[in-house]
């Protein structure tokens, strides 16, 4: 497993640093605006929970963004975390070659 050149950023950090802080929106205000428990937003922002399709749809509706953007952030993060976890096993898999 090689050391990552660019640190992997959890989607919750992106939500906090790129959206909530610049727009002056508290976690509580966002939770109320999108009708979810405040704990859900707090756990996402602290990297303890992922962005589910339900939450992605709500974030997209609130911020006027594409739902797929939120889902892509989460799926990329999940795939990279899994890649690091199973790197040794992946290294032992040989690609299928047509004869």
N, C-alpha and C. Protein backbone atom coordinates (compact mmCIF):
# COMPACT_ATOMS: atom_id res chain seq x y z
N UNK A 1 0.84 -1.17 0.00
CA UNK A 1 0.00 0.00 0.00
C UNK A 1 0.89 1.24 0.00
N UNK A 2 0.69 2.12 -0.96
CA UNK A 2 1.52 3.32 -1.06
C UNK A 2 0.89 4.47 -0.29
N UNK A 3 1.74 5.40 0.10
CA UNK A 3 1.28 6.57 0.84
C UNK A 3 0.57 7.51 -0.14
N UNK A 4 -0.54 8.03 0.26
CA UNK A 4 -1.36 8.91 -0.56
C UNK A 4 -0.68 10.28 -0.70
N UNK A 5 -0.59 10.79 -1.94
CA UNK A 5 0.01 12.11 -2.17
C UNK A 5 -0.92 13.22 -1.72
N UNK A 6 -2.19 13.07 -2.01
CA UNK A 6 -3.20 14.05 -1.62
C UNK A 6 -4.10 13.39 -0.58
N UNK A 7 -4.26 14.01 0.58
CA UNK A 7 -5.09 13.38 1.61
C UNK A 7 -6.53 13.18 1.13
N UNK A 8 -7.11 12.08 1.53
CA UNK A 8 -8.50 11.79 1.20
C UNK A 8 -9.39 12.62 2.13
N UNK A 9 -10.33 13.33 1.54
CA UNK A 9 -11.20 14.22 2.31
C UNK A 9 -12.60 13.61 2.39
N UNK A 10 -13.11 13.50 3.61
CA UNK A 10 -14.47 12.99 3.82
C UNK A 10 -15.47 14.02 3.27
N UNK A 11 -16.56 13.57 2.67
CA UNK A 11 -17.57 14.49 2.15
C UNK A 11 -18.12 15.45 3.20
N UNK A 12 -18.13 15.03 4.45
CA UNK A 12 -18.59 15.91 5.52
C UNK A 12 -17.69 17.13 5.69
N UNK A 13 -16.40 16.94 5.48
CA UNK A 13 -15.47 18.08 5.56
C UNK A 13 -15.73 19.05 4.41
N UNK A 14 -16.06 18.52 3.25
CA UNK A 14 -16.40 19.37 2.11
C UNK A 14 -17.69 20.13 2.40
N UNK A 15 -18.67 19.45 2.96
CA UNK A 15 -19.92 20.11 3.33
C UNK A 15 -19.65 21.26 4.29
N UNK A 16 -18.83 21.02 5.29
CA UNK A 16 -18.53 22.03 6.30
C UNK A 16 -17.70 23.18 5.72
N UNK A 17 -16.58 22.84 5.10
CA UNK A 17 -15.62 23.87 4.67
C UNK A 17 -16.01 24.61 3.39
N UNK A 18 -16.71 23.94 2.48
CA UNK A 18 -17.05 24.56 1.20
C UNK A 18 -18.47 25.13 1.15
N UNK A 19 -19.31 24.71 2.08
CA UNK A 19 -20.70 25.15 2.04
C UNK A 19 -21.14 25.84 3.33
N UNK A 20 -21.09 25.14 4.43
CA UNK A 20 -21.63 25.71 5.66
C UNK A 20 -20.87 26.95 6.14
N UNK A 21 -19.57 26.82 6.30
CA UNK A 21 -18.78 27.96 6.80
C UNK A 21 -18.86 29.18 5.88
N UNK A 22 -18.59 29.02 4.57
CA UNK A 22 -18.63 30.20 3.70
C UNK A 22 -20.01 30.87 3.64
N UNK A 23 -21.07 30.08 3.76
CA UNK A 23 -22.42 30.64 3.68
C UNK A 23 -22.97 31.04 5.04
N UNK A 24 -22.20 30.79 6.10
CA UNK A 24 -22.63 31.17 7.44
C UNK A 24 -23.83 30.38 7.93
N UNK A 25 -23.90 29.11 7.55
CA UNK A 25 -25.02 28.26 7.94
C UNK A 25 -24.54 27.30 9.03
N UNK A 26 -25.25 27.24 10.13
CA UNK A 26 -24.88 26.31 11.19
C UNK A 26 -25.36 24.90 10.84
N UNK A 27 -24.76 23.93 11.48
CA UNK A 27 -25.20 22.55 11.29
C UNK A 27 -26.67 22.41 11.69
N UNK A 28 -27.02 23.05 12.78
CA UNK A 28 -28.40 22.98 13.27
C UNK A 28 -29.37 23.60 12.26
N UNK A 29 -29.01 24.76 11.72
CA UNK A 29 -29.88 25.42 10.74
C UNK A 29 -30.05 24.56 9.49
N UNK A 30 -28.97 23.94 9.04
CA UNK A 30 -29.07 23.06 7.88
C UNK A 30 -29.98 21.88 8.19
N UNK A 31 -29.78 21.27 9.33
CA UNK A 31 -30.61 20.11 9.70
C UNK A 31 -32.09 20.47 9.71
N UNK A 32 -32.41 21.61 10.28
CA UNK A 32 -33.81 22.04 10.33
C UNK A 32 -34.34 22.34 8.93
N UNK A 33 -33.51 22.98 8.11
CA UNK A 33 -33.94 23.36 6.76
C UNK A 33 -34.21 22.15 5.87
N UNK A 34 -33.46 21.07 6.08
CA UNK A 34 -33.65 19.89 5.23
C UNK A 34 -34.40 18.77 5.96
N UNK A 35 -34.91 19.09 7.14
CA UNK A 35 -35.77 18.19 7.91
C UNK A 35 -35.10 16.86 8.26
N UNK A 36 -33.91 16.96 8.84
CA UNK A 36 -33.22 15.78 9.36
C UNK A 36 -32.79 16.07 10.79
N UNK A 37 -32.51 15.05 11.57
CA UNK A 37 -32.02 15.30 12.93
C UNK A 37 -30.66 16.01 12.90
N UNK A 38 -30.45 16.98 13.77
CA UNK A 38 -29.17 17.67 13.81
C UNK A 38 -27.98 16.72 13.97
N UNK A 39 -28.20 15.63 14.68
CA UNK A 39 -27.12 14.66 14.88
C UNK A 39 -26.61 14.11 13.55
N UNK A 40 -27.51 13.94 12.57
CA UNK A 40 -27.10 13.41 11.27
C UNK A 40 -26.07 14.34 10.62
N UNK A 41 -26.35 15.63 10.63
CA UNK A 41 -25.42 16.58 10.02
C UNK A 41 -24.11 16.60 10.80
N UNK A 42 -24.21 16.60 12.12
CA UNK A 42 -23.00 16.60 12.95
C UNK A 42 -22.13 15.39 12.68
N UNK A 43 -22.74 14.22 12.57
CA UNK A 43 -21.97 13.01 12.30
C UNK A 43 -21.35 13.03 10.91
N UNK A 44 -22.05 13.59 9.94
CA UNK A 44 -21.49 13.71 8.58
C UNK A 44 -20.29 14.65 8.61
N UNK A 45 -20.47 15.81 9.21
CA UNK A 45 -19.41 16.82 9.26
C UNK A 45 -18.16 16.30 9.98
N UNK A 46 -18.35 15.43 10.96
CA UNK A 46 -17.21 14.89 11.71
C UNK A 46 -16.70 13.56 11.15
N UNK A 47 -17.18 13.19 9.97
CA UNK A 47 -16.68 11.99 9.30
C UNK A 47 -17.11 10.68 9.93
N UNK A 48 -18.14 10.73 10.76
CA UNK A 48 -18.62 9.52 11.43
C UNK A 48 -19.78 8.87 10.69
N UNK A 49 -20.25 9.53 9.65
CA UNK A 49 -21.39 9.05 8.89
C UNK A 49 -21.23 9.51 7.45
N UNK A 50 -21.68 8.69 6.53
CA UNK A 50 -21.62 9.06 5.13
C UNK A 50 -22.86 9.84 4.69
N UNK A 51 -22.80 10.34 3.47
CA UNK A 51 -23.94 11.03 2.88
C UNK A 51 -24.77 9.99 2.13
N UNK A 52 -25.93 9.68 2.68
CA UNK A 52 -26.83 8.69 2.07
C UNK A 52 -27.56 9.32 0.88
N UNK A 53 -28.17 8.51 0.03
CA UNK A 53 -28.99 9.08 -1.06
C UNK A 53 -30.07 10.02 -0.53
N UNK A 54 -30.68 9.67 0.60
CA UNK A 54 -31.70 10.53 1.20
C UNK A 54 -31.12 11.90 1.54
N UNK A 55 -29.98 11.91 2.21
CA UNK A 55 -29.35 13.17 2.58
C UNK A 55 -28.86 13.91 1.35
N UNK A 56 -28.32 13.20 0.38
CA UNK A 56 -27.84 13.83 -0.85
C UNK A 56 -28.98 14.55 -1.57
N UNK A 57 -30.14 13.94 -1.63
CA UNK A 57 -31.29 14.58 -2.27
C UNK A 57 -31.69 15.85 -1.54
N UNK A 58 -31.65 15.80 -0.22
CA UNK A 58 -32.01 16.97 0.58
C UNK A 58 -30.98 18.09 0.43
N UNK A 59 -29.69 17.72 0.46
CA UNK A 59 -28.63 18.73 0.28
C UNK A 59 -28.73 19.38 -1.09
N UNK A 60 -28.97 18.57 -2.11
CA UNK A 60 -29.09 19.09 -3.48
C UNK A 60 -30.27 20.06 -3.58
N UNK A 61 -31.39 19.71 -2.98
CA UNK A 61 -32.56 20.59 -3.01
C UNK A 61 -32.28 21.90 -2.29
N UNK A 62 -31.60 21.82 -1.15
CA UNK A 62 -31.32 23.02 -0.35
C UNK A 62 -30.30 23.93 -1.01
N UNK A 63 -29.20 23.36 -1.47
CA UNK A 63 -28.12 24.17 -2.04
C UNK A 63 -28.30 24.44 -3.54
N UNK A 64 -29.28 23.82 -4.17
CA UNK A 64 -29.49 24.02 -5.60
C UNK A 64 -28.40 23.36 -6.43
N UNK A 65 -27.94 22.21 -5.96
CA UNK A 65 -26.87 21.49 -6.65
C UNK A 65 -27.43 20.19 -7.22
N UNK A 66 -26.57 19.47 -7.91
CA UNK A 66 -26.93 18.19 -8.49
C UNK A 66 -26.78 17.10 -7.43
N UNK A 67 -27.77 16.27 -7.27
CA UNK A 67 -27.70 15.19 -6.28
C UNK A 67 -26.52 14.28 -6.55
N UNK A 68 -26.20 14.07 -7.82
CA UNK A 68 -25.11 13.15 -8.17
C UNK A 68 -23.77 13.64 -7.63
N UNK A 69 -23.60 14.94 -7.51
CA UNK A 69 -22.34 15.48 -6.97
C UNK A 69 -22.11 15.01 -5.54
N UNK A 70 -23.16 15.05 -4.73
CA UNK A 70 -23.04 14.60 -3.33
C UNK A 70 -22.81 13.10 -3.28
N UNK A 71 -23.52 12.36 -4.12
CA UNK A 71 -23.34 10.90 -4.15
C UNK A 71 -21.95 10.52 -4.64
N UNK A 72 -21.44 11.26 -5.63
CA UNK A 72 -20.09 10.98 -6.14
C UNK A 72 -19.02 11.23 -5.08
N UNK A 73 -19.18 12.30 -4.31
CA UNK A 73 -18.22 12.56 -3.23
C UNK A 73 -18.16 11.38 -2.28
N UNK A 74 -19.33 10.87 -1.91
CA UNK A 74 -19.38 9.76 -0.96
C UNK A 74 -18.86 8.47 -1.57
N UNK A 75 -19.26 8.17 -2.80
CA UNK A 75 -18.83 6.90 -3.40
C UNK A 75 -17.33 6.90 -3.66
N UNK A 76 -16.77 8.05 -4.05
CA UNK A 76 -15.32 8.15 -4.24
C UNK A 76 -14.60 7.91 -2.91
N UNK A 77 -15.08 8.55 -1.87
CA UNK A 77 -14.47 8.38 -0.55
C UNK A 77 -14.53 6.92 -0.11
N UNK A 78 -15.70 6.32 -0.26
CA UNK A 78 -15.88 4.92 0.15
C UNK A 78 -14.96 3.99 -0.64
N UNK A 79 -14.88 4.20 -1.95
CA UNK A 79 -14.04 3.34 -2.79
C UNK A 79 -12.57 3.47 -2.41
N UNK A 80 -12.11 4.68 -2.17
CA UNK A 80 -10.70 4.88 -1.82
C UNK A 80 -10.38 4.30 -0.45
N UNK A 81 -11.29 4.45 0.49
CA UNK A 81 -11.07 3.86 1.82
C UNK A 81 -11.02 2.34 1.71
N UNK A 82 -11.89 1.77 0.91
CA UNK A 82 -11.89 0.32 0.72
C UNK A 82 -10.64 -0.13 0.00
N UNK A 83 -10.21 0.64 -1.01
CA UNK A 83 -8.98 0.31 -1.73
C UNK A 83 -7.80 0.21 -0.76
N UNK A 84 -7.71 1.15 0.17
CA UNK A 84 -6.63 1.12 1.15
C UNK A 84 -6.76 -0.10 2.07
N UNK A 85 -7.97 -0.44 2.43
CA UNK A 85 -8.21 -1.57 3.33
C UNK A 85 -7.84 -2.91 2.69
N UNK A 86 -8.15 -3.06 1.41
CA UNK A 86 -7.92 -4.36 0.75
C UNK A 86 -6.78 -4.31 -0.26
N UNK A 87 -5.88 -3.36 -0.13
CA UNK A 87 -4.79 -3.18 -1.09
C UNK A 87 -3.99 -4.46 -1.32
N UNK A 88 -3.67 -5.17 -0.26
CA UNK A 88 -2.89 -6.41 -0.40
C UNK A 88 -3.64 -7.45 -1.21
N UNK A 89 -4.92 -7.57 -0.97
CA UNK A 89 -5.73 -8.53 -1.72
C UNK A 89 -5.86 -8.13 -3.18
N UNK A 90 -6.03 -6.83 -3.43
CA UNK A 90 -6.14 -6.35 -4.81
C UNK A 90 -4.85 -6.62 -5.58
N UNK A 91 -3.72 -6.50 -4.90
CA UNK A 91 -2.43 -6.72 -5.55
C UNK A 91 -2.27 -8.15 -6.03
N UNK A 92 -3.00 -9.07 -5.43
CA UNK A 92 -2.91 -10.48 -5.81
C UNK A 92 -3.93 -10.90 -6.86
N UNK A 93 -4.73 -9.97 -7.32
CA UNK A 93 -5.72 -10.28 -8.35
C UNK A 93 -5.12 -9.98 -9.72
N UNK A 94 -5.17 -10.98 -10.59
CA UNK A 94 -4.64 -10.81 -11.94
C UNK A 94 -5.79 -10.56 -12.91
N UNK A 95 -5.65 -9.55 -13.77
CA UNK A 95 -6.73 -9.24 -14.70
C UNK A 95 -7.04 -10.41 -15.63
N UNK A 96 -8.28 -10.56 -15.97
CA UNK A 96 -8.71 -11.58 -16.92
C UNK A 96 -8.24 -11.18 -18.31
N UNK A 97 -7.65 -12.13 -19.02
CA UNK A 97 -7.16 -11.88 -20.37
C UNK A 97 -7.84 -12.87 -21.30
N UNK A 98 -8.44 -12.34 -22.36
CA UNK A 98 -9.04 -13.22 -23.36
C UNK A 98 -7.95 -13.98 -24.09
N UNK A 99 -8.18 -15.25 -24.32
CA UNK A 99 -7.17 -16.07 -25.01
C UNK A 99 -7.29 -15.94 -26.51
